[in-house]
Amino acid sequence: MVILIIALGYTLRIKDWFADTFSGNISKLIMQIALPASIFVSVQKNLTKDSLGQLFEGMLIPALGVFLTYIIAFLLIAMFRIPAGRRGTFINTVANANTIFIGMPLNMALFGNKAMQYFLIYYVINTVSTWAVGIFFMQGDAMPGKAKEQASFNWKKLLPMPLIGFIVAIVWLLTGLKLPDFATNTFTYVGNLVTPLSLIYIGIMLANIGIKNIKFDLQTILAVLGRLVIAPAVMILLIRVVAPAMGLHLAHLMANTFIIQSATPALAVLPILADQGNGDKEYATNVVALTTLLFVIVVPALMLIAG
């Protein structure tokens, strides 16, 4: 199902059914309206006051996983001498994932709405990592001979609408108030737009990138391996070895969600950030395209490993 809907978006874009601005419009609808609605309803349906403690306890493992992948990325940069202009993209590719437009619809397709609470844990960690840490590596990584962008901190990026929707949903849950049926139904219908629109968006992005333009070089391959192989391997190790040693019990669905999210492709926004920071935009585009194409091969393998 996932691949077919992505292929639909790709085909319709190639055939010029969609205007150049359409993907931006879909992105805004998903991020600003549909996803916050979906998150709000999911929290009300799947969480209770008593389960909140377990939810926040679960943040430790993905946070540790992201921290370790940052360290691995730095080591790989030193070992293989990744040049300036590509380092920020490389670090963010290995450490941070495209949880919204690929991770979320994939999670819904594989595990259903009952796994949304676990997806939100990874989403929060990934969002903070990207916009509080990863962004600085992009801003300070200009290609040789080009001026570096001055590093800055943007609270709006750190608090996107889906995260605000999650916070509002938690506050509402704590009040103990019940949402009126008409509001629940409205939010549910709007939230149901997220998965199909996100998958169509991925197809459009692949068409815009142009599969024929993808290039293979050592630094691209290393970044792809870091995102699709090393990151999930670290997560599996943490779940199966470190978590039990720490006395943490992760629900089976939570563990599988973390593993799948850790293997999702590179952030779609990396080429834009690379361009803004005078980095290698072509390299960033290449990495995003390759990880997006190859993740469909990696996910079935991870599902077999995860059981």
C-alpha atoms as a PDB file:
ATOM      1  CA  MET A   1       0.000   0.000   0.000  1.00  0.00           C
ATOM      2  CA  VAL A   2       2.728   2.456   1.015  1.00  0.00           C
ATOM      3  CA  ILE A   3       4.754   1.997  -2.173  1.00  0.00           C
ATOM      4  CA  LEU A   4       1.658   2.153  -4.397  1.00  0.00           C
ATOM      5  CA  ILE A   5       0.531   5.514  -3.001  1.00  0.00           C
ATOM      6  CA  ILE A   6       4.077   6.911  -3.287  1.00  0.00           C
ATOM      7  CA  ALA A   7       4.141   5.672  -6.896  1.00  0.00           C
ATOM      8  CA  LEU A   8       0.797   7.405  -7.512  1.00  0.00           C
ATOM      9  CA  GLY A   9       2.184  10.743  -6.323  1.00  0.00           C
ATOM     10  CA  TYR A  10       5.328  10.242  -8.418  1.00  0.00           C
ATOM     11  CA  THR A  11       3.371   9.353 -11.572  1.00  0.00           C
ATOM     12  CA  LEU A  12       0.866  12.190 -11.282  1.00  0.00           C
ATOM     13  CA  ARG A  13       3.679  14.712 -10.770  1.00  0.00           C
ATOM     14  CA  ILE A  14       5.595  13.369 -13.780  1.00  0.00           C
ATOM     15  CA  LYS A  15       2.423  13.717 -15.860  1.00  0.00           C
ATOM     16  CA  ASP A  16       2.018  17.339 -14.668  1.00  0.00           C
ATOM     17  CA  TRP A  17      -1.240  16.781 -12.812  1.00  0.00           C
ATOM     18  CA  PHE A  18       0.189  18.834  -9.953  1.00  0.00           C
ATOM     19  CA  ALA A  19       1.424  22.417 -10.176  1.00  0.00           C
ATOM     20  CA  ASP A  20       4.862  23.355  -8.854  1.00  0.00           C
ATOM     21  CA  THR A  21       3.280  24.824  -5.722  1.00  0.00           C
ATOM     22  CA  PHE A  22       1.118  21.779  -4.941  1.00  0.00           C
ATOM     23  CA  SER A  23       3.678  19.937  -2.800  1.00  0.00           C
ATOM     24  CA  GLY A  24       4.138  23.060  -0.683  1.00  0.00           C
ATOM     25  CA  ASN A  25       0.381  23.322  -0.232  1.00  0.00           C
ATOM     26  CA  ILE A  26       0.135  19.671   0.842  1.00  0.00           C
ATOM     27  CA  SER A  27       3.030  20.131   3.244  1.00  0.00           C
ATOM     28  CA  LYS A  28       1.351  23.116   4.887  1.00  0.00           C
ATOM     29  CA  LEU A  29      -2.006  21.309   5.173  1.00  0.00           C
ATOM     30  CA  ILE A  30      -0.356  18.281   6.787  1.00  0.00           C
ATOM     31  CA  MET A  31       1.914  20.179   9.165  1.00  0.00           C
ATOM     32  CA  GLN A  32      -0.430  22.976  10.217  1.00  0.00           C
ATOM     33  CA  ILE A  33      -3.845  21.267  10.260  1.00  0.00           C
ATOM     34  CA  ALA A  34      -4.125  17.529   9.641  1.00  0.00           C
ATOM     35  CA  LEU A  35      -1.237  16.183  11.735  1.00  0.00           C
ATOM     36  CA  PRO A  36      -1.990  18.254  14.877  1.00  0.00           C
ATOM     37  CA  ALA A  37      -5.611  17.056  14.637  1.00  0.00           C
ATOM     38  CA  SER A  38      -4.500  13.437  14.244  1.00  0.00           C
ATOM     39  CA  ILE A  39      -2.110  13.700  17.199  1.00  0.00           C
ATOM     40  CA  PHE A  40      -4.756  15.294  19.435  1.00  0.00           C
ATOM     41  CA  VAL A  41      -7.303  12.555  18.757  1.00  0.00           C
ATOM     42  CA  SER A  42      -4.701   9.807  19.136  1.00  0.00           C
ATOM     43  CA  VAL A  43      -3.589  11.086  22.544  1.00  0.00           C
ATOM     44  CA  GLN A  44      -7.185  11.218  23.806  1.00  0.00           C
ATOM     45  CA  LYS A  45      -7.933   7.701  22.549  1.00  0.00           C
ATOM     46  CA  ASN A  46      -4.709   5.900  23.458  1.00  0.00           C
ATOM     47  CA  LEU A  47      -3.351   7.593  26.573  1.00  0.00           C
ATOM     48  CA  THR A  48      -4.502   7.932  30.161  1.00  0.00           C
ATOM     49  CA  LYS A  49      -3.146   9.982  33.045  1.00  0.00           C
ATOM     50  CA  ASP A  50      -1.616   6.827  34.506  1.00  0.00           C
ATOM     51  CA  SER A  51       0.219   5.902  31.286  1.00  0.00           C
ATOM     52  CA  LEU A  52       1.891   9.307  30.843  1.00  0.00           C
ATOM     53  CA  GLY A  53       4.773   8.397  33.149  1.00  0.00           C
ATOM     54  CA  GLN A  54       5.623   5.358  31.041  1.00  0.00           C
ATOM     55  CA  LEU A  55       5.381   7.471  27.897  1.00  0.00           C
ATOM     56  CA  PHE A  56       7.966  10.003  29.064  1.00  0.00           C
ATOM     57  CA  GLU A  57      10.180   7.263  30.509  1.00  0.00           C
ATOM     58  CA  GLY A  58      10.339   5.820  27.005  1.00  0.00           C
ATOM     59  CA  MET A  59      12.070   8.969  25.731  1.00  0.00           C
ATOM     60  CA  LEU A  60      15.381   7.893  27.250  1.00  0.00           C
ATOM     61  CA  ILE A  61      16.186   5.208  24.663  1.00  0.00           C
ATOM     62  CA  PRO A  62      15.584   7.271  21.477  1.00  0.00           C
ATOM     63  CA  ALA A  63      17.393  10.234  23.064  1.00  0.00           C
ATOM     64  CA  LEU A  64      20.386   8.021  23.796  1.00  0.00           C
ATOM     65  CA  GLY A  65      20.195   6.603  20.273  1.00  0.00           C
ATOM     66  CA  VAL A  66      20.317  10.062  18.692  1.00  0.00           C
ATOM     67  CA  PHE A  67      23.229  11.072  20.944  1.00  0.00           C
ATOM     68  CA  LEU A  68      25.235   7.996  19.923  1.00  0.00           C
ATOM     69  CA  THR A  69      24.582   8.551  16.214  1.00  0.00           C
ATOM     70  CA  TYR A  70      25.940  12.097  16.515  1.00  0.00           C
ATOM     71  CA  ILE A  71      29.152  10.637  17.951  1.00  0.00           C
ATOM     72  CA  ILE A  72      29.326   8.029  15.178  1.00  0.00           C
ATOM     73  CA  ALA A  73      28.801  10.736  12.540  1.00  0.00           C
ATOM     74  CA  PHE A  74      31.707  12.784  13.911  1.00  0.00           C
ATOM     75  CA  LEU A  75      33.949   9.704  13.937  1.00  0.00           C
ATOM     76  CA  LEU A  76      33.063   8.886  10.322  1.00  0.00           C
ATOM     77  CA  ILE A  77      33.767  12.481   9.265  1.00  0.00           C
ATOM     78  CA  ALA A  78      37.227  12.255  10.819  1.00  0.00           C
ATOM     79  CA  MET A  79      37.965   8.781   9.441  1.00  0.00           C
ATOM     80  CA  PHE A  80      36.862   9.463   5.859  1.00  0.00           C
ATOM     81  CA  ARG A  81      37.724  13.173   5.776  1.00  0.00           C
ATOM     82  CA  ILE A  82      34.305  14.452   4.747  1.00  0.00           C
ATOM     83  CA  PRO A  83      34.949  17.962   3.349  1.00  0.00           C
ATOM     84  CA  ALA A  84      33.458  21.230   4.567  1.00  0.00           C
ATOM     85  CA  GLY A  85      30.105  21.905   2.948  1.00  0.00           C
ATOM     86  CA  ARG A  86      29.037  18.289   3.375  1.00  0.00           C
ATOM     87  CA  ARG A  87      29.669  17.745   7.080  1.00  0.00           C
ATOM     88  CA  GLY A  88      26.436  19.319   8.328  1.00  0.00           C
ATOM     89  CA  THR A  89      24.388  17.269   5.891  1.00  0.00           C
ATOM     90  CA  PHE A  90      26.307  14.125   6.827  1.00  0.00           C
ATOM     91  CA  ILE A  91      25.791  14.630  10.571  1.00  0.00           C
ATOM     92  CA  ASN A  92      22.077  15.350  10.199  1.00  0.00           C
ATOM     93  CA  THR A  93      21.594  12.417   7.842  1.00  0.00           C
ATOM     94  CA  VAL A  94      23.089   9.942  10.307  1.00  0.00           C
ATOM     95  CA  ALA A  95      21.459  11.404  13.434  1.00  0.00           C
ATOM     96  CA  ASN A  96      18.062  12.806  12.397  1.00  0.00           C
ATOM     97  CA  ALA A  97      15.152  11.198  10.549  1.00  0.00           C
ATOM     98  CA  ASN A  98      12.227  12.232   8.380  1.00  0.00           C
ATOM     99  CA  THR A  99       9.666  11.275  11.008  1.00  0.00           C
ATOM    100  CA  ILE A 100       6.788  13.371   9.672  1.00  0.00           C
ATOM    101  CA  PHE A 101       6.367  12.707   5.964  1.00  0.00           C
ATOM    102  CA  ILE A 102       7.733   9.158   5.936  1.00  0.00           C
ATOM    103  CA  GLY A 103       8.042   7.887   9.502  1.00  0.00           C
ATOM    104  CA  MET A 104       4.500   8.760  10.567  1.00  0.00           C
ATOM    105  CA  PRO A 105       2.531   7.324   7.600  1.00  0.00           C
ATOM    106  CA  LEU A 106       4.783   4.251   7.614  1.00  0.00           C
ATOM    107  CA  ASN A 107       4.126   3.726  11.319  1.00  0.00           C
ATOM    108  CA  MET A 108       0.387   4.078  10.785  1.00  0.00           C
ATOM    109  CA  ALA A 109       0.456   1.608   7.894  1.00  0.00           C
ATOM    110  CA  LEU A 110       2.489  -0.973   9.837  1.00  0.00           C
ATOM    111  CA  PHE A 111       1.122  -0.672  13.374  1.00  0.00           C
ATOM    112  CA  GLY A 112      -2.093   1.344  13.202  1.00  0.00           C
ATOM    113  CA  ASN A 113      -3.294   4.221  15.354  1.00  0.00           C
ATOM    114  CA  LYS A 114      -2.499   2.389  18.613  1.00  0.00           C
ATOM    115  CA  ALA A 115       1.224   3.013  17.997  1.00  0.00           C
ATOM    116  CA  MET A 116       0.805   6.782  17.603  1.00  0.00           C
ATOM    117  CA  GLN A 117       1.712   7.421  21.249  1.00  0.00           C
ATOM    118  CA  TYR A 118       5.068   5.692  20.726  1.00  0.00           C
ATOM    119  CA  PHE A 119       5.670   7.496  17.454  1.00  0.00           C
ATOM    120  CA  LEU A 120       5.162  10.789  19.297  1.00  0.00           C
ATOM    121  CA  ILE A 121       8.003   9.933  21.686  1.00  0.00           C
ATOM    122  CA  TYR A 122      10.446   9.547  18.809  1.00  0.00           C
ATOM    123  CA  TYR A 123       9.004  12.568  17.017  1.00  0.00           C
ATOM    124  CA  VAL A 124       9.596  14.855  20.013  1.00  0.00           C
ATOM    125  CA  ILE A 125      13.216  13.688  20.410  1.00  0.00           C
ATOM    126  CA  ASN A 126      13.874  13.989  16.676  1.00  0.00           C
ATOM    127  CA  THR A 127      12.360  17.480  16.469  1.00  0.00           C
ATOM    128  CA  VAL A 128      14.426  18.797  19.372  1.00  0.00           C
ATOM    129  CA  SER A 129      17.562  17.154  17.969  1.00  0.00           C
ATOM    130  CA  THR A 130      17.030  18.645  14.509  1.00  0.00           C
ATOM    131  CA  TRP A 131      16.150  22.218  15.422  1.00  0.00           C
ATOM    132  CA  ALA A 132      18.112  22.651  18.655  1.00  0.00           C
ATOM    133  CA  VAL A 133      21.297  20.806  17.632  1.00  0.00           C
ATOM    134  CA  GLY A 134      21.424  19.692  14.008  1.00  0.00           C
ATOM    135  CA  ILE A 135      20.583  23.111  12.570  1.00  0.00           C
ATOM    136  CA  PHE A 136      23.809  24.583  13.971  1.00  0.00           C
ATOM    137  CA  PHE A 137      25.923  22.058  12.051  1.00  0.00           C
ATOM    138  CA  MET A 138      24.133  23.084   8.846  1.00  0.00           C
ATOM    139  CA  GLN A 139      24.557  26.813   9.467  1.00  0.00           C
ATOM    140  CA  GLY A 140      28.261  26.536  10.255  1.00  0.00           C
ATOM    141  CA  ASP A 141      29.185  24.308   7.320  1.00  0.00           C
ATOM    142  CA  ALA A 142      29.892  26.437   4.253  1.00  0.00           C
ATOM    143  CA  MET A 143      31.786  25.077   1.264  1.00  0.00           C
ATOM    144  CA  PRO A 144      35.415  26.267   0.890  1.00  0.00           C
ATOM    145  CA  GLY A 145      35.519  29.855  -0.342  1.00  0.00           C
ATOM    146  CA  LYS A 146      31.966  30.674   0.763  1.00  0.00           C
ATOM    147  CA  ALA A 147      30.887  32.675   3.801  1.00  0.00           C
ATOM    148  CA  LYS A 148      29.452  30.821   6.786  1.00  0.00           C
ATOM    149  CA  GLU A 149      25.903  31.633   7.834  1.00  0.00           C
ATOM    150  CA  GLN A 150      25.674  33.132  11.307  1.00  0.00           C
ATOM    151  CA  ALA A 151      24.287  30.504  13.682  1.00  0.00           C
ATOM    152  CA  SER A 152      20.894  31.391  15.126  1.00  0.00           C
ATOM    153  CA  PHE A 153      18.207  29.759  17.248  1.00  0.00           C
ATOM    154  CA  ASN A 154      14.592  29.731  16.046  1.00  0.00           C
ATOM    155  CA  TRP A 155      11.944  28.851  18.626  1.00  0.00           C
ATOM    156  CA  LYS A 156       9.327  28.494  15.890  1.00  0.00           C
ATOM    157  CA  LYS A 157      11.298  25.588  14.410  1.00  0.00           C
ATOM    158  CA  LEU A 158      11.668  23.974  17.828  1.00  0.00           C
ATOM    159  CA  LEU A 159       7.910  24.206  18.419  1.00  0.00           C
ATOM    160  CA  PRO A 160       6.218  23.212  15.143  1.00  0.00           C
ATOM    161  CA  MET A 161       2.444  22.817  15.037  1.00  0.00           C
ATOM    162  CA  PRO A 162       2.460  19.003  15.452  1.00  0.00           C
ATOM    163  CA  LEU A 163       4.488  19.354  18.653  1.00  0.00           C
ATOM    164  CA  ILE A 164       2.188  22.126  19.876  1.00  0.00           C
ATOM    165  CA  GLY A 165      -0.742  19.823  19.090  1.00  0.00           C
ATOM    166  CA  PHE A 166       0.877  17.135  21.235  1.00  0.00           C
ATOM    167  CA  ILE A 167       1.407  19.540  24.150  1.00  0.00           C
ATOM    168  CA  VAL A 168      -2.191  20.807  23.947  1.00  0.00           C
ATOM    169  CA  ALA A 169      -3.438  17.204  23.800  1.00  0.00           C
ATOM    170  CA  ILE A 170      -1.494  16.285  26.963  1.00  0.00           C
ATOM    171  CA  VAL A 171      -2.847  19.336  28.803  1.00  0.00           C
ATOM    172  CA  TRP A 172      -6.399  18.480  27.706  1.00  0.00           C
ATOM    173  CA  LEU A 173      -5.905  14.887  28.856  1.00  0.00           C
ATOM    174  CA  LEU A 174      -4.780  16.073  32.287  1.00  0.00           C
ATOM    175  CA  THR A 175      -7.920  18.198  32.683  1.00  0.00           C
ATOM    176  CA  GLY A 176     -10.061  15.069  32.418  1.00  0.00           C
ATOM    177  CA  LEU A 177     -12.520  16.830  30.104  1.00  0.00           C
ATOM    178  CA  LYS A 178     -14.200  14.861  27.321  1.00  0.00           C
ATOM    179  CA  LEU A 179     -14.140  16.286  23.824  1.00  0.00           C
ATOM    180  CA  PRO A 180     -17.633  16.656  22.282  1.00  0.00           C
ATOM    181  CA  ASP A 181     -18.445  13.962  19.713  1.00  0.00           C
ATOM    182  CA  PHE A 182     -18.752  16.428  16.838  1.00  0.00           C
ATOM    183  CA  ALA A 183     -15.264  17.784  17.588  1.00  0.00           C
ATOM    184  CA  THR A 184     -13.775  14.286  17.900  1.00  0.00           C
ATOM    185  CA  ASN A 185     -15.336  13.247  14.585  1.00  0.00           C
ATOM    186  CA  THR A 186     -14.117  16.409  12.858  1.00  0.00           C
ATOM    187  CA  PHE A 187     -10.564  15.993  14.139  1.00  0.00           C
ATOM    188  CA  THR A 188     -10.627  12.310  13.154  1.00  0.00           C
ATOM    189  CA  TYR A 189     -11.742  12.996   9.581  1.00  0.00           C
ATOM    190  CA  VAL A 190      -9.160  15.754   9.138  1.00  0.00           C
ATOM    191  CA  GLY A 191      -6.456  13.657  10.790  1.00  0.00           C
ATOM    192  CA  ASN A 192      -7.154  10.777   8.412  1.00  0.00           C
ATOM    193  CA  LEU A 193      -5.815  12.952   5.588  1.00  0.00           C
ATOM    194  CA  VAL A 194      -2.281  12.691   6.961  1.00  0.00           C
ATOM    195  CA  THR A 195      -1.200   9.254   5.752  1.00  0.00           C
ATOM    196  CA  PRO A 196      -2.374   9.363   2.096  1.00  0.00           C
ATOM    197  CA  LEU A 197      -1.322  12.989   1.605  1.00  0.00           C
ATOM    198  CA  SER A 198       2.100  12.343   3.157  1.00  0.00           C
ATOM    199  CA  LEU A 199       2.733   9.379   0.865  1.00  0.00           C
ATOM    200  CA  ILE A 200       1.627  11.344  -2.201  1.00  0.00           C
ATOM    201  CA  TYR A 201       3.946  14.153  -1.063  1.00  0.00           C
ATOM    202  CA  ILE A 202       6.884  11.728  -0.962  1.00  0.00           C
ATOM    203  CA  GLY A 203       6.132  10.662  -4.537  1.00  0.00           C
ATOM    204  CA  ILE A 204       6.002  14.281  -5.664  1.00  0.00           C
ATOM    205  CA  MET A 205       9.331  14.997  -3.969  1.00  0.00           C
ATOM    206  CA  LEU A 206      10.981  12.028  -5.687  1.00  0.00           C
ATOM    207  CA  ALA A 207       9.680  13.278  -9.027  1.00  0.00           C
ATOM    208  CA  ASN A 208      10.964  16.791  -8.318  1.00  0.00           C
ATOM    209  CA  ILE A 209      14.404  15.507  -7.319  1.00  0.00           C
ATOM    210  CA  GLY A 210      14.680  13.384 -10.451  1.00  0.00           C
ATOM    211  CA  ILE A 211      15.771   9.792  -9.946  1.00  0.00           C
ATOM    212  CA  LYS A 212      18.022   9.979 -13.009  1.00  0.00           C
ATOM    213  CA  ASN A 213      20.071  12.713 -11.325  1.00  0.00           C
ATOM    214  CA  ILE A 214      21.097  10.547  -8.374  1.00  0.00           C
ATOM    215  CA  LYS A 215      24.872  10.037  -8.100  1.00  0.00           C
ATOM    216  CA  PHE A 216      26.884   7.486  -6.137  1.00  0.00           C
ATOM    217  CA  ASP A 217      30.128   8.378  -4.385  1.00  0.00           C
ATOM    218  CA  LEU A 218      31.805   7.195  -1.184  1.00  0.00           C
ATOM    219  CA  GLN A 219      30.551  10.092   0.956  1.00  0.00           C
ATOM    220  CA  THR A 220      26.976   9.601  -0.243  1.00  0.00           C
ATOM    221  CA  ILE A 221      27.129   5.858   0.375  1.00  0.00           C
ATOM    222  CA  LEU A 222      28.521   6.443   3.888  1.00  0.00           C
ATOM    223  CA  ALA A 223      25.675   8.833   4.700  1.00  0.00           C
ATOM    224  CA  VAL A 224      23.092   6.365   3.380  1.00  0.00           C
ATOM    225  CA  LEU A 225      24.615   3.528   5.417  1.00  0.00           C
ATOM    226  CA  GLY A 226      24.639   5.771   8.480  1.00  0.00           C
ATOM    227  CA  ARG A 227      20.933   6.553   8.135  1.00  0.00           C
ATOM    228  CA  LEU A 228      19.545   3.209   6.997  1.00  0.00           C
ATOM    229  CA  VAL A 229      21.916   0.713   8.634  1.00  0.00           C
ATOM    230  CA  ILE A 230      23.969   2.200  11.485  1.00  0.00           C
ATOM    231  CA  ALA A 231      21.164   4.246  13.117  1.00  0.00           C
ATOM    232  CA  PRO A 232      18.693   1.320  13.337  1.00  0.00           C
ATOM    233  CA  ALA A 233      21.519  -1.016  14.435  1.00  0.00           C
ATOM    234  CA  VAL A 234      22.263   1.355  17.326  1.00  0.00           C
ATOM    235  CA  MET A 235      18.564   1.441  18.239  1.00  0.00           C
ATOM    236  CA  ILE A 236      18.268  -2.355  18.177  1.00  0.00           C
ATOM    237  CA  LEU A 237      21.342  -2.629  20.419  1.00  0.00           C
ATOM    238  CA  LEU A 238      19.894  -0.121  22.881  1.00  0.00           C
ATOM    239  CA  ILE A 239      16.515  -1.851  23.003  1.00  0.00           C
ATOM    240  CA  ARG A 240      17.791  -5.401  23.330  1.00  0.00           C
ATOM    241  CA  VAL A 241      20.893  -4.888  25.464  1.00  0.00           C
ATOM    242  CA  VAL A 242      21.048  -1.474  27.140  1.00  0.00           C
ATOM    243  CA  ALA A 243      17.376  -1.043  28.105  1.00  0.00           C
ATOM    244  CA  PRO A 244      17.157  -4.394  29.966  1.00  0.00           C
ATOM    245  CA  ALA A 245      20.468  -3.646  31.701  1.00  0.00           C
ATOM    246  CA  MET A 246      18.996  -0.339  32.892  1.00  0.00           C
ATOM    247  CA  GLY A 247      15.825  -2.016  34.103  1.00  0.00           C
ATOM    248  CA  LEU A 248      13.680  -0.395  31.400  1.00  0.00           C
ATOM    249  CA  HIS A 249      10.845  -2.453  29.965  1.00  0.00           C
ATOM    250  CA  LEU A 250       9.759  -1.292  26.521  1.00  0.00           C
ATOM    251  CA  ALA A 251       6.464  -2.550  25.152  1.00  0.00           C
ATOM    252  CA  HIS A 252       6.860  -4.629  21.975  1.00  0.00           C
ATOM    253  CA  LEU A 253       4.986  -2.043  19.915  1.00  0.00           C
ATOM    254  CA  MET A 254       7.101   0.774  21.362  1.00  0.00           C
ATOM    255  CA  ALA A 255      10.329  -1.073  20.543  1.00  0.00           C
ATOM    256  CA  ASN A 256       9.232  -1.781  16.966  1.00  0.00           C
ATOM    257  CA  THR A 257       8.177   1.832  16.488  1.00  0.00           C
ATOM    258  CA  PHE A 258      11.575   3.098  17.662  1.00  0.00           C
ATOM    259  CA  ILE A 259      13.393   0.688  15.333  1.00  0.00           C
ATOM    260  CA  ILE A 260      11.343   1.673  12.287  1.00  0.00           C
ATOM    261  CA  GLN A 261      11.593   5.404  13.009  1.00  0.00           C
ATOM    262  CA  SER A 262      15.362   5.164  13.426  1.00  0.00           C
ATOM    263  CA  ALA A 263      15.617   3.836   9.853  1.00  0.00           C
ATOM    264  CA  THR A 264      13.488   6.433   8.086  1.00  0.00           C
ATOM    265  CA  PRO A 265      15.177   8.560   5.384  1.00  0.00           C
ATOM    266  CA  ALA A 266      17.089  11.796   5.746  1.00  0.00           C
ATOM    267  CA  LEU A 267      15.187  15.011   6.439  1.00  0.00           C
ATOM    268  CA  ALA A 268      13.544  16.384   3.298  1.00  0.00           C
ATOM    269  CA  VAL A 269      14.551  19.903   4.360  1.00  0.00           C
ATOM    270  CA  LEU A 270      18.322  19.194   4.228  1.00  0.00           C
ATOM    271  CA  PRO A 271      18.876  20.598   0.692  1.00  0.00           C
ATOM    272  CA  ILE A 272      17.182  23.848   1.733  1.00  0.00           C
ATOM    273  CA  LEU A 273      19.270  24.106   4.903  1.00  0.00           C
ATOM    274  CA  ALA A 274      22.449  23.290   2.974  1.00  0.00           C
ATOM    275  CA  ASP A 275      21.666  26.024   0.448  1.00  0.00           C
ATOM    276  CA  GLN A 276      20.959  28.561   3.197  1.00  0.00           C
ATOM    277  CA  GLY A 277      24.264  27.714   4.893  1.00  0.00           C
ATOM    278  CA  ASN A 278      26.247  27.838   1.611  1.00  0.00           C
ATOM    279  CA  GLY A 279      26.818  24.095   1.853  1.00  0.00           C
ATOM    280  CA  ASP A 280      26.767  21.452  -0.883  1.00  0.00           C
ATOM    281  CA  LYS A 281      23.105  21.456  -1.911  1.00  0.00           C
ATOM    282  CA  GLU A 282      23.587  18.795  -4.591  1.00  0.00           C
ATOM    283  CA  TYR A 283      25.102  16.408  -2.047  1.00  0.00           C
ATOM    284  CA  ALA A 284      22.194  17.003   0.345  1.00  0.00           C
ATOM    285  CA  THR A 285      19.660  16.420  -2.444  1.00  0.00           C
ATOM    286  CA  ASN A 286      21.459  13.241  -3.461  1.00  0.00           C
ATOM    287  CA  VAL A 287      21.453  11.862   0.085  1.00  0.00           C
ATOM    288  CA  VAL A 288      17.765  12.659   0.620  1.00  0.00           C
ATOM    289  CA  ALA A 289      16.788  11.027  -2.683  1.00  0.00           C
ATOM    290  CA  LEU A 290      18.824   7.865  -2.088  1.00  0.00           C
ATOM    291  CA  THR A 291      17.689   7.314   1.488  1.00  0.00           C
ATOM    292  CA  THR A 292      14.077   7.893   0.428  1.00  0.00           C
ATOM    293  CA  LEU A 293      14.334   5.338  -2.369  1.00  0.00           C
ATOM    294  CA  LEU A 294      16.217   2.694  -0.407  1.00  0.00           C
ATOM    295  CA  PHE A 295      14.211   2.797   2.821  1.00  0.00           C
ATOM    296  CA  VAL A 296      11.509   0.627   1.198  1.00  0.00           C
ATOM    297  CA  ILE A 297      14.111  -2.166   1.046  1.00  0.00           C
ATOM    298  CA  VAL A 298      15.394  -1.652   4.578  1.00  0.00           C
ATOM    299  CA  VAL A 299      12.032  -1.567   6.377  1.00  0.00           C
ATOM    300  CA  PRO A 300      10.933  -5.159   5.533  1.00  0.00           C
ATOM    301  CA  ALA A 301      14.329  -6.414   6.712  1.00  0.00           C
ATOM    302  CA  LEU A 302      13.965  -4.484   9.973  1.00  0.00           C
ATOM    303  CA  MET A 303      10.474  -5.880  10.520  1.00  0.00           C
ATOM    304  CA  LEU A 304      11.898  -9.396  10.254  1.00  0.00           C
ATOM    305  CA  ILE A 305      14.645  -8.553  12.744  1.00  0.00           C
ATOM    306  CA  ALA A 306      12.237  -6.827  15.115  1.00  0.00           C
ATOM    307  CA  GLY A 307       9.793  -9.712  14.937  1.00  0.00           C
END
